[in-house]
Amino acid sequence: MIELEQKVKQIINENIPNSLQDFRMDLRLVDIGIDSFTFINIIVAIENEFNFEFGDGDLDYKKFPNLGFLVLYIQNKINNLT
């Protein structure tokens, strides 16, 4: 899971430079500058990196109150691929 967290941090930093100095699972997405536009860019990068698609109902950043929820969602999607 640590590797997954680091990859998500890297993807976020590529879309919002210098956004995550202290990567904590309870960090709120809005607190690092994620809005609907940047969220879609991050989702596309995550989908490409991990080879899965977010569900249509999960494309709203407000469904992920913090990084922990986002990482857990990604982990669950990856686990369901195997």
N, C-alpha and C. Protein backbone atom coordinates (compact mmCIF):
# COMPACT_ATOMS: atom_id res chain seq x y z
N MET A 1 0.83 -1.20 0.00
CA MET A 1 0.00 0.00 0.00
C MET A 1 0.87 1.26 0.00
N ILE A 2 2.05 1.19 0.60
CA ILE A 2 2.94 2.36 0.65
C ILE A 2 3.35 2.75 -0.78
N GLU A 3 3.63 1.76 -1.61
CA GLU A 3 4.00 2.04 -3.00
C GLU A 3 2.85 2.73 -3.72
N LEU A 4 1.63 2.26 -3.49
CA LEU A 4 0.45 2.87 -4.09
C LEU A 4 0.30 4.32 -3.63
N GLU A 5 0.45 4.55 -2.34
CA GLU A 5 0.37 5.91 -1.81
C GLU A 5 1.41 6.82 -2.46
N GLN A 6 2.62 6.32 -2.62
CA GLN A 6 3.69 7.12 -3.22
C GLN A 6 3.38 7.44 -4.69
N LYS A 7 2.81 6.48 -5.40
CA LYS A 7 2.48 6.70 -6.81
C LYS A 7 1.36 7.73 -6.93
N VAL A 8 0.36 7.65 -6.04
CA VAL A 8 -0.72 8.63 -6.06
C VAL A 8 -0.17 10.02 -5.74
N LYS A 9 0.73 10.09 -4.78
CA LYS A 9 1.36 11.37 -4.44
C LYS A 9 2.10 11.94 -5.65
N GLN A 10 2.82 11.09 -6.36
CA GLN A 10 3.55 11.53 -7.54
C GLN A 10 2.59 12.07 -8.60
N ILE A 11 1.50 11.36 -8.83
CA ILE A 11 0.51 11.79 -9.83
C ILE A 11 -0.09 13.13 -9.44
N ILE A 12 -0.42 13.29 -8.16
CA ILE A 12 -0.98 14.56 -7.70
C ILE A 12 0.04 15.68 -7.86
N ASN A 13 1.28 15.43 -7.49
CA ASN A 13 2.32 16.45 -7.62
C ASN A 13 2.56 16.84 -9.08
N GLU A 14 2.38 15.91 -10.00
CA GLU A 14 2.54 16.22 -11.42
C GLU A 14 1.42 17.14 -11.91
N ASN A 15 0.26 17.07 -11.26
CA ASN A 15 -0.88 17.89 -11.66
C ASN A 15 -1.04 19.15 -10.83
N ILE A 16 -0.51 19.14 -9.63
CA ILE A 16 -0.51 20.32 -8.75
C ILE A 16 0.88 20.39 -8.14
N PRO A 17 1.82 21.02 -8.83
CA PRO A 17 3.21 21.05 -8.34
C PRO A 17 3.33 21.54 -6.90
N ASN A 18 4.20 20.87 -6.16
CA ASN A 18 4.48 21.22 -4.76
C ASN A 18 3.26 21.14 -3.86
N SER A 19 2.31 20.29 -4.21
CA SER A 19 1.08 20.22 -3.44
C SER A 19 1.21 19.38 -2.18
N LEU A 20 2.09 18.37 -2.22
CA LEU A 20 2.16 17.45 -1.09
C LEU A 20 3.54 17.40 -0.48
N GLN A 21 3.77 18.24 0.46
CA GLN A 21 5.02 18.17 1.21
C GLN A 21 4.91 17.09 2.28
N ASP A 22 3.75 17.01 2.91
CA ASP A 22 3.51 16.06 3.98
C ASP A 22 2.33 15.19 3.57
N PHE A 23 2.61 14.01 3.06
CA PHE A 23 1.58 13.12 2.53
C PHE A 23 0.94 12.35 3.67
N ARG A 24 -0.26 12.77 4.05
CA ARG A 24 -1.01 12.09 5.10
C ARG A 24 -2.33 11.63 4.50
N MET A 25 -2.80 10.48 4.98
CA MET A 25 -4.03 9.92 4.45
C MET A 25 -5.25 10.78 4.80
N ASP A 26 -5.17 11.58 5.86
CA ASP A 26 -6.32 12.39 6.25
C ASP A 26 -6.31 13.78 5.60
N LEU A 27 -5.38 14.02 4.70
CA LEU A 27 -5.28 15.30 4.02
C LEU A 27 -6.45 15.45 3.05
N ARG A 28 -7.21 16.52 3.22
CA ARG A 28 -8.38 16.75 2.37
C ARG A 28 -7.94 17.19 0.96
N LEU A 29 -8.63 16.67 -0.04
CA LEU A 29 -8.29 16.99 -1.43
C LEU A 29 -8.39 18.49 -1.70
N VAL A 30 -9.42 19.14 -1.16
CA VAL A 30 -9.57 20.57 -1.40
C VAL A 30 -8.45 21.37 -0.76
N ASP A 31 -7.85 20.84 0.30
CA ASP A 31 -6.77 21.55 0.98
C ASP A 31 -5.47 21.57 0.18
N ILE A 32 -5.36 20.69 -0.81
CA ILE A 32 -4.16 20.71 -1.65
C ILE A 32 -4.47 21.30 -3.03
N GLY A 33 -5.64 21.90 -3.16
CA GLY A 33 -5.96 22.63 -4.39
C GLY A 33 -6.66 21.82 -5.46
N ILE A 34 -7.20 20.67 -5.10
CA ILE A 34 -7.90 19.86 -6.10
C ILE A 34 -9.32 20.39 -6.25
N ASP A 35 -9.66 20.69 -7.51
CA ASP A 35 -11.02 21.07 -7.85
C ASP A 35 -11.50 20.10 -8.92
N SER A 36 -12.67 20.33 -9.47
CA SER A 36 -13.22 19.36 -10.42
C SER A 36 -12.34 19.19 -11.65
N PHE A 37 -11.73 20.26 -12.13
CA PHE A 37 -10.88 20.18 -13.32
C PHE A 37 -9.60 19.39 -13.03
N THR A 38 -8.91 19.73 -11.96
CA THR A 38 -7.66 19.02 -11.65
C THR A 38 -7.95 17.58 -11.25
N PHE A 39 -9.11 17.34 -10.63
CA PHE A 39 -9.46 15.97 -10.26
C PHE A 39 -9.58 15.08 -11.50
N ILE A 40 -10.21 15.58 -12.53
CA ILE A 40 -10.35 14.79 -13.77
C ILE A 40 -8.96 14.50 -14.36
N ASN A 41 -8.07 15.48 -14.35
CA ASN A 41 -6.71 15.23 -14.84
C ASN A 41 -6.00 14.16 -14.00
N ILE A 42 -6.18 14.22 -12.70
CA ILE A 42 -5.57 13.23 -11.81
C ILE A 42 -6.19 11.86 -12.05
N ILE A 43 -7.50 11.80 -12.24
CA ILE A 43 -8.18 10.52 -12.49
C ILE A 43 -7.67 9.89 -13.78
N VAL A 44 -7.53 10.66 -14.83
CA VAL A 44 -7.02 10.14 -16.10
C VAL A 44 -5.62 9.55 -15.89
N ALA A 45 -4.77 10.25 -15.16
CA ALA A 45 -3.41 9.76 -14.90
C ALA A 45 -3.44 8.48 -14.06
N ILE A 46 -4.33 8.42 -13.07
CA ILE A 46 -4.46 7.22 -12.23
C ILE A 46 -4.96 6.05 -13.07
N GLU A 47 -5.97 6.29 -13.90
CA GLU A 47 -6.50 5.23 -14.75
C GLU A 47 -5.42 4.68 -15.69
N ASN A 48 -4.63 5.57 -16.25
CA ASN A 48 -3.55 5.13 -17.14
C ASN A 48 -2.47 4.37 -16.39
N GLU A 49 -2.13 4.83 -15.21
CA GLU A 49 -1.07 4.20 -14.42
C GLU A 49 -1.46 2.82 -13.93
N PHE A 50 -2.70 2.68 -13.46
CA PHE A 50 -3.12 1.43 -12.82
C PHE A 50 -4.04 0.58 -13.70
N ASN A 51 -4.32 1.06 -14.91
CA ASN A 51 -5.06 0.28 -15.90
C ASN A 51 -6.46 -0.15 -15.43
N PHE A 52 -7.23 0.80 -14.97
CA PHE A 52 -8.64 0.58 -14.64
C PHE A 52 -9.36 1.90 -14.87
N GLU A 53 -10.69 1.85 -14.84
CA GLU A 53 -11.48 3.06 -15.00
C GLU A 53 -12.31 3.34 -13.76
N PHE A 54 -12.38 4.60 -13.40
CA PHE A 54 -13.28 5.02 -12.33
C PHE A 54 -14.70 4.87 -12.82
N GLY A 55 -15.61 4.50 -11.93
CA GLY A 55 -17.01 4.45 -12.29
C GLY A 55 -17.54 5.85 -12.56
N ASP A 56 -18.52 5.95 -13.43
CA ASP A 56 -19.08 7.27 -13.78
C ASP A 56 -19.54 8.02 -12.53
N GLY A 57 -20.08 7.32 -11.57
CA GLY A 57 -20.56 7.96 -10.36
C GLY A 57 -19.45 8.39 -9.41
N ASP A 58 -18.22 8.01 -9.73
CA ASP A 58 -17.08 8.31 -8.86
C ASP A 58 -16.17 9.40 -9.43
N LEU A 59 -16.66 10.14 -10.39
CA LEU A 59 -15.84 11.17 -11.02
C LEU A 59 -15.99 12.54 -10.35
N ASP A 60 -16.60 12.57 -9.19
CA ASP A 60 -16.77 13.81 -8.42
C ASP A 60 -15.79 13.79 -7.26
N TYR A 61 -14.89 14.75 -7.21
CA TYR A 61 -13.88 14.78 -6.15
C TYR A 61 -14.48 14.90 -4.76
N LYS A 62 -15.70 15.36 -4.67
CA LYS A 62 -16.35 15.49 -3.36
C LYS A 62 -16.70 14.13 -2.75
N LYS A 63 -16.67 13.07 -3.57
CA LYS A 63 -16.91 11.72 -3.05
C LYS A 63 -15.70 11.19 -2.29
N PHE A 64 -14.58 11.88 -2.42
CA PHE A 64 -13.34 11.47 -1.77
C PHE A 64 -12.92 12.58 -0.81
N PRO A 65 -13.38 12.54 0.43
CA PRO A 65 -13.11 13.63 1.36
C PRO A 65 -11.63 13.81 1.69
N ASN A 66 -10.84 12.76 1.52
CA ASN A 66 -9.41 12.89 1.80
C ASN A 66 -8.62 11.89 0.97
N LEU A 67 -7.31 11.97 1.05
CA LEU A 67 -6.45 11.09 0.26
C LEU A 67 -6.63 9.63 0.61
N GLY A 68 -6.92 9.36 1.87
CA GLY A 68 -7.13 7.98 2.29
C GLY A 68 -8.27 7.32 1.53
N PHE A 69 -9.37 8.04 1.35
CA PHE A 69 -10.50 7.50 0.60
C PHE A 69 -10.12 7.24 -0.86
N LEU A 70 -9.36 8.15 -1.44
CA LEU A 70 -8.94 7.99 -2.83
C LEU A 70 -8.01 6.79 -2.98
N VAL A 71 -7.04 6.66 -2.09
CA VAL A 71 -6.10 5.53 -2.16
C VAL A 71 -6.84 4.22 -1.92
N LEU A 72 -7.75 4.19 -0.98
CA LEU A 72 -8.53 2.97 -0.71
C LEU A 72 -9.37 2.59 -1.92
N TYR A 73 -9.97 3.57 -2.57
CA TYR A 73 -10.75 3.31 -3.79
C TYR A 73 -9.87 2.67 -4.86
N ILE A 74 -8.70 3.25 -5.06
CA ILE A 74 -7.77 2.72 -6.06
C ILE A 74 -7.35 1.29 -5.70
N GLN A 75 -7.03 1.07 -4.44
CA GLN A 75 -6.64 -0.27 -3.98
C GLN A 75 -7.75 -1.28 -4.24
N ASN A 76 -8.97 -0.91 -3.94
CA ASN A 76 -10.10 -1.80 -4.19
C ASN A 76 -10.29 -2.10 -5.67
N LYS A 77 -10.13 -1.10 -6.50
CA LYS A 77 -10.26 -1.32 -7.95
C LYS A 77 -9.16 -2.25 -8.45
N ILE A 78 -7.93 -2.05 -7.96
CA ILE A 78 -6.81 -2.91 -8.37
C ILE A 78 -7.06 -4.34 -7.90
N ASN A 79 -7.53 -4.51 -6.68
CA ASN A 79 -7.79 -5.85 -6.15
C ASN A 79 -8.88 -6.56 -6.92
N ASN A 80 -9.85 -5.82 -7.43
CA ASN A 80 -10.95 -6.43 -8.19
C ASN A 80 -10.53 -6.82 -9.60
N LEU A 81 -9.37 -6.33 -10.06
CA LEU A 81 -8.88 -6.70 -11.39
C LEU A 81 -8.23 -8.08 -11.39
N THR A 82 -7.77 -8.51 -10.23
CA THR A 82 -7.06 -9.79 -10.17
C THR A 82 -7.98 -10.94 -9.91
